[in-house]
Amino acid sequence: MPLYEFSCLAHGSFELRRPFSQATAPARCPQCGELARRVFTSPNVPRTPAWIVEGLTREERSRHEPRVATREEIGLPAYDPEAKPQYHVAKGRPWMISH
């Protein structure tokens, strides 16, 4: 169950663990019993695994400055405009069958 923070006007903030189904419902202050409103805070990021944080950081960075890979970096030979194509061209009309 997630941990939610609430704020009582008389006693300040306190935290409660409750199910997702009760996320929007107000809570009672443990000291005075009055209704307290939920305080929206950021998620507990320090507990996020390092590989997820690294991926999110890389994704955020690539939004503004995408990395461009060269042909050599991805294992392809350098571009040569004079090179002949590496595919096979059939002679004649290979789709025609003679009788």
PDB file of N, CA and C in Angstrom:
ATOM      1  N   MET A   1       0.842  -1.181   0.000  1.00  0.00           N
ATOM      2  CA  MET A   1       0.000   0.000   0.000  1.00  0.00           C
ATOM      3  C   MET A   1       0.888   1.245   0.000  1.00  0.00           C
ATOM      4  N   PRO A   2       0.471   2.259  -0.749  1.00  0.00           N
ATOM      5  CA  PRO A   2       1.264   3.484  -0.798  1.00  0.00           C
ATOM      6  C   PRO A   2       1.106   4.323   0.469  1.00  0.00           C
ATOM      7  N   LEU A   3       2.065   5.196   0.659  1.00  0.00           N
ATOM      8  CA  LEU A   3       2.092   6.085   1.816  1.00  0.00           C
ATOM      9  C   LEU A   3       1.593   7.456   1.370  1.00  0.00           C
ATOM     10  N   TYR A   4       0.559   7.976   2.033  1.00  0.00           N
ATOM     11  CA  TYR A   4      -0.020   9.275   1.690  1.00  0.00           C
ATOM     12  C   TYR A   4       0.225  10.253   2.827  1.00  0.00           C
ATOM     13  N   GLU A   5       0.393  11.523   2.469  1.00  0.00           N
ATOM     14  CA  GLU A   5       0.603  12.567   3.468  1.00  0.00           C
ATOM     15  C   GLU A   5      -0.661  13.413   3.568  1.00  0.00           C
ATOM     16  N   PHE A   6      -1.048  13.717   4.805  1.00  0.00           N
ATOM     17  CA  PHE A   6      -2.235  14.531   5.062  1.00  0.00           C
ATOM     18  C   PHE A   6      -1.848  15.698   5.950  1.00  0.00           C
ATOM     19  N   SER A   7      -2.702  16.737   5.954  1.00  0.00           N
ATOM     20  CA  SER A   7      -2.419  17.922   6.755  1.00  0.00           C
ATOM     21  C   SER A   7      -3.635  18.288   7.601  1.00  0.00           C
ATOM     22  N   CYS A   8      -3.421  18.338   8.902  1.00  0.00           N
ATOM     23  CA  CYS A   8      -4.450  18.749   9.855  1.00  0.00           C
ATOM     24  C   CYS A   8      -4.219  20.235  10.162  1.00  0.00           C
ATOM     25  N   LEU A   9      -5.299  21.028  10.203  1.00  0.00           N
ATOM     26  CA  LEU A   9      -5.148  22.463  10.474  1.00  0.00           C
ATOM     27  C   LEU A   9      -4.577  22.718  11.868  1.00  0.00           C
ATOM     28  N   ALA A  10      -4.887  21.880  12.829  1.00  0.00           N
ATOM     29  CA  ALA A  10      -4.439  22.089  14.208  1.00  0.00           C
ATOM     30  C   ALA A  10      -3.086  21.449  14.511  1.00  0.00           C
ATOM     31  N   HIS A  11      -2.800  20.269  13.940  1.00  0.00           N
ATOM     32  CA  HIS A  11      -1.613  19.514  14.341  1.00  0.00           C
ATOM     33  C   HIS A  11      -0.568  19.321  13.240  1.00  0.00           C
ATOM     34  N   GLY A  12      -0.777  19.854  12.072  1.00  0.00           N
ATOM     35  CA  GLY A  12       0.228  19.740  11.008  1.00  0.00           C
ATOM     36  C   GLY A  12       0.071  18.474  10.177  1.00  0.00           C
ATOM     37  N   SER A  13       1.174  18.059   9.576  1.00  0.00           N
ATOM     38  CA  SER A  13       1.109  16.933   8.632  1.00  0.00           C
ATOM     39  C   SER A  13       1.373  15.589   9.311  1.00  0.00           C
ATOM     40  N   PHE A  14       0.806  14.538   8.707  1.00  0.00           N
ATOM     41  CA  PHE A  14       1.031  13.160   9.154  1.00  0.00           C
ATOM     42  C   PHE A  14       0.889  12.249   7.940  1.00  0.00           C
ATOM     43  N   GLU A  15       1.406  11.032   8.053  1.00  0.00           N
ATOM     44  CA  GLU A  15       1.383  10.081   6.943  1.00  0.00           C
ATOM     45  C   GLU A  15       0.562   8.849   7.310  1.00  0.00           C
ATOM     46  N   LEU A  16      -0.119   8.300   6.293  1.00  0.00           N
ATOM     47  CA  LEU A  16      -0.907   7.081   6.472  1.00  0.00           C
ATOM     48  C   LEU A  16      -0.696   6.155   5.289  1.00  0.00           C
ATOM     49  N   ARG A  17      -0.657   4.861   5.571  1.00  0.00           N
ATOM     50  CA  ARG A  17      -0.662   3.858   4.497  1.00  0.00           C
ATOM     51  C   ARG A  17      -2.110   3.461   4.274  1.00  0.00           C
ATOM     52  N   ARG A  18      -2.536   3.544   3.006  1.00  0.00           N
ATOM     53  CA  ARG A  18      -3.900   3.159   2.680  1.00  0.00           C
ATOM     54  C   ARG A  18      -3.950   2.613   1.262  1.00  0.00           C
ATOM     55  N   PRO A  19      -4.982   1.846   0.939  1.00  0.00           N
ATOM     56  CA  PRO A  19      -5.097   1.279  -0.408  1.00  0.00           C
ATOM     57  C   PRO A  19      -5.387   2.367  -1.448  1.00  0.00           C
ATOM     58  N   PHE A  20      -5.122   2.040  -2.713  1.00  0.00           N
ATOM     59  CA  PHE A  20      -5.368   2.979  -3.808  1.00  0.00           C
ATOM     60  C   PHE A  20      -6.829   3.418  -3.857  1.00  0.00           C
ATOM     61  N   SER A  21      -7.725   2.538  -3.492  1.00  0.00           N
ATOM     62  CA  SER A  21      -9.156   2.859  -3.557  1.00  0.00           C
ATOM     63  C   SER A  21      -9.537   3.993  -2.607  1.00  0.00           C
ATOM     64  N   GLN A  22      -8.717   4.252  -1.584  1.00  0.00           N
ATOM     65  CA  GLN A  22      -9.005   5.318  -0.619  1.00  0.00           C
ATOM     66  C   GLN A  22      -8.077   6.516  -0.794  1.00  0.00           C
ATOM     67  N   ALA A  23      -7.439   6.628  -1.949  1.00  0.00           N
ATOM     68  CA  ALA A  23      -6.442   7.678  -2.173  1.00  0.00           C
ATOM     69  C   ALA A  23      -7.029   9.083  -2.083  1.00  0.00           C
ATOM     70  N   THR A  24      -8.239   9.286  -2.580  1.00  0.00           N
ATOM     71  CA  THR A  24      -8.814  10.634  -2.605  1.00  0.00           C
ATOM     72  C   THR A  24      -9.646  10.965  -1.373  1.00  0.00           C
ATOM     73  N   ALA A  25      -9.949   9.991  -0.553  1.00  0.00           N
ATOM     74  CA  ALA A  25     -10.782  10.225   0.633  1.00  0.00           C
ATOM     75  C   ALA A  25      -9.988  10.956   1.709  1.00  0.00           C
ATOM     76  N   PRO A  26     -10.627  11.893   2.434  1.00  0.00           N
ATOM     77  CA  PRO A  26      -9.922  12.559   3.534  1.00  0.00           C
ATOM     78  C   PRO A  26      -9.669  11.577   4.679  1.00  0.00           C
ATOM     79  N   ALA A  27      -8.722  11.920   5.530  1.00  0.00           N
ATOM     80  CA  ALA A  27      -8.376  11.054   6.664  1.00  0.00           C
ATOM     81  C   ALA A  27      -8.604  11.810   7.970  1.00  0.00           C
ATOM     82  N   ARG A  28      -8.738  11.072   9.032  1.00  0.00           N
ATOM     83  CA  ARG A  28      -8.898  11.681  10.362  1.00  0.00           C
ATOM     84  C   ARG A  28      -7.521  11.876  10.996  1.00  0.00           C
ATOM     85  N   CYS A  29      -7.336  13.015  11.629  1.00  0.00           N
ATOM     86  CA  CYS A  29      -6.079  13.300  12.330  1.00  0.00           C
ATOM     87  C   CYS A  29      -5.948  12.332  13.508  1.00  0.00           C
ATOM     88  N   PRO A  30      -4.787  11.688  13.675  1.00  0.00           N
ATOM     89  CA  PRO A  30      -4.631  10.730  14.778  1.00  0.00           C
ATOM     90  C   PRO A  30      -4.660  11.390  16.162  1.00  0.00           C
ATOM     91  N   GLN A  31      -4.444  12.708  16.243  1.00  0.00           N
ATOM     92  CA  GLN A  31      -4.421  13.381  17.548  1.00  0.00           C
ATOM     93  C   GLN A  31      -5.774  13.962  17.943  1.00  0.00           C
ATOM     94  N   CYS A  32      -6.439  14.649  16.991  1.00  0.00           N
ATOM     95  CA  CYS A  32      -7.702  15.309  17.353  1.00  0.00           C
ATOM     96  C   CYS A  32      -8.930  14.672  16.705  1.00  0.00           C
ATOM     97  N   GLY A  33      -8.757  13.848  15.685  1.00  0.00           N
ATOM     98  CA  GLY A  33      -9.881  13.187  15.045  1.00  0.00           C
ATOM     99  C   GLY A  33     -10.589  14.013  13.985  1.00  0.00           C
ATOM    100  N   GLU A  34     -10.139  15.236  13.736  1.00  0.00           N
ATOM    101  CA  GLU A  34     -10.745  16.081  12.702  1.00  0.00           C
ATOM    102  C   GLU A  34     -10.319  15.593  11.320  1.00  0.00           C
ATOM    103  N   LEU A  35     -11.130  15.929  10.314  1.00  0.00           N
ATOM    104  CA  LEU A  35     -10.784  15.558   8.944  1.00  0.00           C
ATOM    105  C   LEU A  35      -9.574  16.359   8.469  1.00  0.00           C
ATOM    106  N   ALA A  36      -8.667  15.673   7.820  1.00  0.00           N
ATOM    107  CA  ALA A  36      -7.459  16.308   7.284  1.00  0.00           C
ATOM    108  C   ALA A  36      -7.431  16.115   5.770  1.00  0.00           C
ATOM    109  N   ARG A  37      -6.915  17.103   5.075  1.00  0.00           N
ATOM    110  CA  ARG A  37      -6.839  17.035   3.616  1.00  0.00           C
ATOM    111  C   ARG A  37      -5.534  16.385   3.186  1.00  0.00           C
ATOM    112  N   ARG A  38      -5.592  15.731   2.032  1.00  0.00           N
ATOM    113  CA  ARG A  38      -4.395  15.080   1.494  1.00  0.00           C
ATOM    114  C   ARG A  38      -3.466  16.129   0.892  1.00  0.00           C
ATOM    115  N   VAL A  39      -2.162  15.958   1.137  1.00  0.00           N
ATOM    116  CA  VAL A  39      -1.135  16.827   0.574  1.00  0.00           C
ATOM    117  C   VAL A  39      -0.474  16.055  -0.559  1.00  0.00           C
ATOM    118  N   PHE A  40      -0.430  16.655  -1.747  1.00  0.00           N
ATOM    119  CA  PHE A  40       0.172  15.975  -2.896  1.00  0.00           C
ATOM    120  C   PHE A  40       1.670  16.253  -2.916  1.00  0.00           C
ATOM    121  N   THR A  41       2.447  15.192  -2.844  1.00  0.00           N
ATOM    122  CA  THR A  41       3.905  15.301  -2.835  1.00  0.00           C
ATOM    123  C   THR A  41       4.483  14.458  -3.968  1.00  0.00           C
ATOM    124  N   SER A  42       5.762  14.646  -4.227  1.00  0.00           N
ATOM    125  CA  SER A  42       6.417  13.865  -5.280  1.00  0.00           C
ATOM    126  C   SER A  42       6.589  12.419  -4.817  1.00  0.00           C
ATOM    127  N   PRO A  43       6.676  11.473  -5.757  1.00  0.00           N
ATOM    128  CA  PRO A  43       6.853  10.068  -5.372  1.00  0.00           C
ATOM    129  C   PRO A  43       8.215   9.840  -4.733  1.00  0.00           C
ATOM    130  N   ASN A  44       8.351   8.707  -4.079  1.00  0.00           N
ATOM    131  CA  ASN A  44       9.596   8.365  -3.398  1.00  0.00           C
ATOM    132  C   ASN A  44      10.634   7.922  -4.428  1.00  0.00           C
ATOM    133  N   VAL A  45      11.300   8.878  -5.047  1.00  0.00           N
ATOM    134  CA  VAL A  45      12.241   8.609  -6.132  1.00  0.00           C
ATOM    135  C   VAL A  45      13.511   7.888  -5.673  1.00  0.00           C
ATOM    136  N   PRO A  46      14.060   8.147  -4.484  1.00  0.00           N
ATOM    137  CA  PRO A  46      15.296   7.457  -4.107  1.00  0.00           C
ATOM    138  C   PRO A  46      15.190   5.935  -4.088  1.00  0.00           C
ATOM    139  N   ARG A  47      13.999   5.387  -4.004  1.00  0.00           N
ATOM    140  CA  ARG A  47      13.842   3.936  -3.995  1.00  0.00           C
ATOM    141  C   ARG A  47      13.736   3.344  -5.396  1.00  0.00           C
ATOM    142  N   THR A  48      13.727   4.199  -6.408  1.00  0.00           N
ATOM    143  CA  THR A  48      13.651   3.722  -7.781  1.00  0.00           C
ATOM    144  C   THR A  48      14.976   3.051  -8.135  1.00  0.00           C
ATOM    145  N   PRO A  49      14.953   1.867  -8.749  1.00  0.00           N
ATOM    146  CA  PRO A  49      16.195   1.187  -9.118  1.00  0.00           C
ATOM    147  C   PRO A  49      17.066   2.050 -10.039  1.00  0.00           C
ATOM    148  N   ALA A  50      18.372   1.900  -9.904  1.00  0.00           N
ATOM    149  CA  ALA A  50      19.323   2.728 -10.654  1.00  0.00           C
ATOM    150  C   ALA A  50      19.148   2.584 -12.158  1.00  0.00           C
ATOM    151  N   TRP A  51      18.845   1.378 -12.646  1.00  0.00           N
ATOM    152  CA  TRP A  51      18.720   1.194 -14.092  1.00  0.00           C
ATOM    153  C   TRP A  51      17.512   1.932 -14.647  1.00  0.00           C
ATOM    154  N   ILE A  52      16.454   2.102 -13.845  1.00  0.00           N
ATOM    155  CA  ILE A  52      15.291   2.869 -14.296  1.00  0.00           C
ATOM    156  C   ILE A  52      15.627   4.357 -14.313  1.00  0.00           C
ATOM    157  N   VAL A  53      16.298   4.838 -13.269  1.00  0.00           N
ATOM    158  CA  VAL A  53      16.696   6.243 -13.216  1.00  0.00           C
ATOM    159  C   VAL A  53      17.612   6.573 -14.387  1.00  0.00           C
ATOM    160  N   GLU A  54      18.554   5.686 -14.692  1.00  0.00           N
ATOM    161  CA  GLU A  54      19.472   5.906 -15.812  1.00  0.00           C
ATOM    162  C   GLU A  54      18.712   5.981 -17.138  1.00  0.00           C
ATOM    163  N   GLY A  55      17.769   5.088 -17.334  1.00  0.00           N
ATOM    164  CA  GLY A  55      16.971   5.101 -18.564  1.00  0.00           C
ATOM    165  C   GLY A  55      16.123   6.355 -18.687  1.00  0.00           C
ATOM    166  N   LEU A  56      15.504   6.782 -17.585  1.00  0.00           N
ATOM    167  CA  LEU A  56      14.698   8.002 -17.613  1.00  0.00           C
ATOM    168  C   LEU A  56      15.560   9.227 -17.884  1.00  0.00           C
ATOM    169  N   THR A  57      16.754   9.269 -17.299  1.00  0.00           N
ATOM    170  CA  THR A  57      17.667  10.383 -17.529  1.00  0.00           C
ATOM    171  C   THR A  57      18.106  10.426 -18.982  1.00  0.00           C
ATOM    172  N   ARG A  58      18.452   9.272 -19.542  1.00  0.00           N
ATOM    173  CA  ARG A  58      18.875   9.204 -20.944  1.00  0.00           C
ATOM    174  C   ARG A  58      17.735   9.630 -21.873  1.00  0.00           C
ATOM    175  N   GLU A  59      16.530   9.185 -21.571  1.00  0.00           N
ATOM    176  CA  GLU A  59      15.371   9.543 -22.398  1.00  0.00           C
ATOM    177  C   GLU A  59      15.103  11.044 -22.326  1.00  0.00           C
ATOM    178  N   GLU A  60      15.193  11.617 -21.138  1.00  0.00           N
ATOM    179  CA  GLU A  60      14.966  13.052 -20.970  1.00  0.00           C
ATOM    180  C   GLU A  60      16.019  13.858 -21.730  1.00  0.00           C
ATOM    181  N   ARG A  61      17.264  13.431 -21.654  1.00  0.00           N
ATOM    182  CA  ARG A  61      18.349  14.136 -22.332  1.00  0.00           C
ATOM    183  C   ARG A  61      18.188  14.057 -23.845  1.00  0.00           C
ATOM    184  N   SER A  62      17.724  12.929 -24.351  1.00  0.00           N
ATOM    185  CA  SER A  62      17.619  12.748 -25.800  1.00  0.00           C
ATOM    186  C   SER A  62      16.466  13.539 -26.405  1.00  0.00           C
ATOM    187  N   ARG A  63      15.584  14.055 -25.589  1.00  0.00           N
ATOM    188  CA  ARG A  63      14.500  14.880 -26.129  1.00  0.00           C
ATOM    189  C   ARG A  63      15.050  16.155 -26.756  1.00  0.00           C
ATOM    190  N   HIS A  64      16.080  16.724 -26.161  1.00  0.00           N
ATOM    191  CA  HIS A  64      16.598  18.011 -26.603  1.00  0.00           C
ATOM    192  C   HIS A  64      17.877  17.897 -27.419  1.00  0.00           C
ATOM    193  N   GLU A  65      18.651  16.889 -27.189  1.00  0.00           N
ATOM    194  CA  GLU A  65      19.912  16.722 -27.907  1.00  0.00           C
ATOM    195  C   GLU A  65      20.084  15.264 -28.313  1.00  0.00           C
ATOM    196  N   PRO A  66      19.340  14.822 -29.328  1.00  0.00           N
ATOM    197  CA  PRO A  66      19.444  13.414 -29.726  1.00  0.00           C
ATOM    198  C   PRO A  66      20.842  13.064 -30.223  1.00  0.00           C
ATOM    199  N   ARG A  67      21.291  11.876 -29.909  1.00  0.00           N
ATOM    200  CA  ARG A  67      22.607  11.412 -30.309  1.00  0.00           C
ATOM    201  C   ARG A  67      22.514  10.837 -31.710  1.00  0.00           C
ATOM    202  N   VAL A  68      23.451  11.245 -32.571  1.00  0.00           N
ATOM    203  CA  VAL A  68      23.482  10.765 -33.948  1.00  0.00           C
ATOM    204  C   VAL A  68      24.602   9.742 -34.066  1.00  0.00           C
ATOM    205  N   ALA A  69      24.281   8.558 -34.552  1.00  0.00           N
ATOM    206  CA  ALA A  69      25.275   7.491 -34.698  1.00  0.00           C
ATOM    207  C   ALA A  69      25.814   7.490 -36.121  1.00  0.00           C
ATOM    208  N   THR A  70      27.106   7.217 -36.256  1.00  0.00           N
ATOM    209  CA  THR A  70      27.708   7.101 -37.583  1.00  0.00           C
ATOM    210  C   THR A  70      27.575   5.660 -38.060  1.00  0.00           C
ATOM    211  N   ARG A  71      27.807   5.454 -39.356  1.00  0.00           N
ATOM    212  CA  ARG A  71      27.719   4.108 -39.924  1.00  0.00           C
ATOM    213  C   ARG A  71      28.729   3.173 -39.258  1.00  0.00           C
ATOM    214  N   GLU A  72      29.924   3.677 -38.973  1.00  0.00           N
ATOM    215  CA  GLU A  72      30.967   2.846 -38.357  1.00  0.00           C
ATOM    216  C   GLU A  72      30.578   2.427 -36.939  1.00  0.00           C
ATOM    217  N   GLU A  73      29.905   3.315 -36.203  1.00  0.00           N
ATOM    218  CA  GLU A  73      29.506   3.001 -34.832  1.00  0.00           C
ATOM    219  C   GLU A  73      28.499   1.856 -34.768  1.00  0.00           C
ATOM    220  N   ILE A  74      27.670   1.743 -35.774  1.00  0.00           N
ATOM    221  CA  ILE A  74      26.673   0.671 -35.754  1.00  0.00           C
ATOM    222  C   ILE A  74      27.106  -0.539 -36.569  1.00  0.00           C
ATOM    223  N   GLY A  75      28.366  -0.530 -37.045  1.00  0.00           N
ATOM    224  CA  GLY A  75      28.917  -1.714 -37.696  1.00  0.00           C
ATOM    225  C   GLY A  75      28.776  -1.774 -39.201  1.00  0.00           C
ATOM    226  N   LEU A  76      28.445  -0.673 -39.846  1.00  0.00           N
ATOM    227  CA  LEU A  76      28.346  -0.649 -41.302  1.00  0.00           C
ATOM    228  C   LEU A  76      29.604  -0.028 -41.898  1.00  0.00           C
ATOM    229  N   PRO A  77      29.974  -0.422 -43.115  1.00  0.00           N
ATOM    230  CA  PRO A  77      31.141   0.202 -43.742  1.00  0.00           C
ATOM    231  C   PRO A  77      30.839   1.657 -44.103  1.00  0.00           C
ATOM    232  N   ALA A  78      31.877   2.437 -44.273  1.00  0.00           N
ATOM    233  CA  ALA A  78      31.716   3.840 -44.644  1.00  0.00           C
ATOM    234  C   ALA A  78      31.025   3.944 -46.004  1.00  0.00           C
ATOM    235  N   TYR A  79      30.293   4.997 -46.222  1.00  0.00           N
ATOM    236  CA  TYR A  79      29.547   5.180 -47.468  1.00  0.00           C
ATOM    237  C   TYR A  79      30.503   5.491 -48.614  1.00  0.00           C
ATOM    238  N   ASP A  80      30.345   4.770 -49.718  1.00  0.00           N
ATOM    239  CA  ASP A  80      31.154   4.991 -50.921  1.00  0.00           C
ATOM    240  C   ASP A  80      30.193   5.161 -52.098  1.00  0.00           C
ATOM    241  N   PRO A  81      30.061   6.375 -52.635  1.00  0.00           N
ATOM    242  CA  PRO A  81      29.107   6.586 -53.724  1.00  0.00           C
ATOM    243  C   PRO A  81      29.484   5.861 -55.012  1.00  0.00           C
ATOM    244  N   GLU A  82      30.743   5.465 -55.179  1.00  0.00           N
ATOM    245  CA  GLU A  82      31.199   4.779 -56.391  1.00  0.00           C
ATOM    246  C   GLU A  82      31.037   3.265 -56.306  1.00  0.00           C
ATOM    247  N   ALA A  83      30.697   2.745 -55.145  1.00  0.00           N
ATOM    248  CA  ALA A  83      30.593   1.292 -54.966  1.00  0.00           C
ATOM    249  C   ALA A  83      29.403   0.739 -55.741  1.00  0.00           C
ATOM    250  N   LYS A  84      29.575  -0.478 -56.263  1.00  0.00           N
ATOM    251  CA  LYS A  84      28.492  -1.136 -56.983  1.00  0.00           C
ATOM    252  C   LYS A  84      27.503  -1.711 -55.966  1.00  0.00           C
ATOM    253  N   PRO A  85      26.233  -1.809 -56.337  1.00  0.00           N
ATOM    254  CA  PRO A  85      25.260  -2.389 -55.406  1.00  0.00           C
ATOM    255  C   PRO A  85      25.584  -3.846 -55.098  1.00  0.00           C
ATOM    256  N   GLN A  86      25.243  -4.282 -53.898  1.00  0.00           N
ATOM    257  CA  GLN A  86      25.563  -5.627 -53.434  1.00  0.00           C
ATOM    258  C   GLN A  86      24.421  -6.611 -53.650  1.00  0.00           C
ATOM    259  N   TYR A  87      23.464  -6.278 -54.475  1.00  0.00           N
ATOM    260  CA  TYR A  87      22.357  -7.193 -54.711  1.00  0.00           C
ATOM    261  C   TYR A  87      22.503  -7.852 -56.079  1.00  0.00           C
ATOM    262  N   HIS A  88      21.847  -8.973 -56.283  1.00  0.00           N
ATOM    263  CA  HIS A  88      21.946  -9.753 -57.511  1.00  0.00           C
ATOM    264  C   HIS A  88      20.868  -9.312 -58.493  1.00  0.00           C
ATOM    265  N   VAL A  89      21.263  -9.096 -59.739  1.00  0.00           N
ATOM    266  CA  VAL A  89      20.314  -8.736 -60.787  1.00  0.00           C
ATOM    267  C   VAL A  89      20.245  -9.902 -61.759  1.00  0.00           C
ATOM    268  N   ALA A  90      19.066 -10.450 -61.945  1.00  0.00           N
ATOM    269  CA  ALA A  90      18.883 -11.586 -62.852  1.00  0.00           C
ATOM    270  C   ALA A  90      18.946 -11.118 -64.302  1.00  0.00           C
ATOM    271  N   LYS A  91      19.473 -11.980 -65.167  1.00  0.00           N
ATOM    272  CA  LYS A  91      19.543 -11.656 -66.588  1.00  0.00           C
ATOM    273  C   LYS A  91      18.212 -11.998 -67.246  1.00  0.00           C
ATOM    274  N   GLY A  92      17.813 -11.189 -68.183  1.00  0.00           N
ATOM    275  CA  GLY A  92      16.588 -11.471 -68.923  1.00  0.00           C
ATOM    276  C   GLY A  92      15.359 -11.227 -68.085  1.00  0.00           C
ATOM    277  N   ARG A  93      14.389 -12.082 -68.275  1.00  0.00           N
ATOM    278  CA  ARG A  93      13.116 -11.970 -67.561  1.00  0.00           C
ATOM    279  C   ARG A  93      12.898 -13.243 -66.747  1.00  0.00           C
ATOM    280  N   PRO A  94      13.339 -13.299 -65.508  1.00  0.00           N
ATOM    281  CA  PRO A  94      13.260 -14.537 -64.733  1.00  0.00           C
ATOM    282  C   PRO A  94      11.829 -14.969 -64.418  1.00  0.00           C
ATOM    283  N   TRP A  95      10.887 -14.081 -64.519  1.00  0.00           N
ATOM    284  CA  TRP A  95       9.506 -14.457 -64.228  1.00  0.00           C
ATOM    285  C   TRP A  95       8.836 -15.151 -65.411  1.00  0.00           C
ATOM    286  N   MET A  96       9.491 -15.121 -66.582  1.00  0.00           N
ATOM    287  CA  MET A  96       8.931 -15.761 -67.774  1.00  0.00           C
ATOM    288  C   MET A  96       9.504 -17.170 -67.906  1.00  0.00           C
ATOM    289  N   ILE A  97       8.678 -18.133 -68.067  1.00  0.00           N
ATOM    290  CA  ILE A  97       9.110 -19.519 -68.216  1.00  0.00           C
ATOM    291  C   ILE A  97       8.832 -19.944 -69.654  1.00  0.00           C
ATOM    292  N   SER A  98       9.862 -20.453 -70.322  1.00  0.00           N
ATOM    293  CA  SER A  98       9.650 -20.892 -71.710  1.00  0.00           C
ATOM    294  C   SER A  98       9.099 -22.307 -71.723  1.00  0.00           C
ATOM    295  N   HIS A  99       8.413 -22.657 -72.814  1.00  0.00           N
ATOM    296  CA  HIS A  99       7.779 -23.973 -72.911  1.00  0.00           C
ATOM    297  C   HIS A  99       8.635 -24.942 -73.640  1.00  0.00           C
TER     298      HIS A  99
END
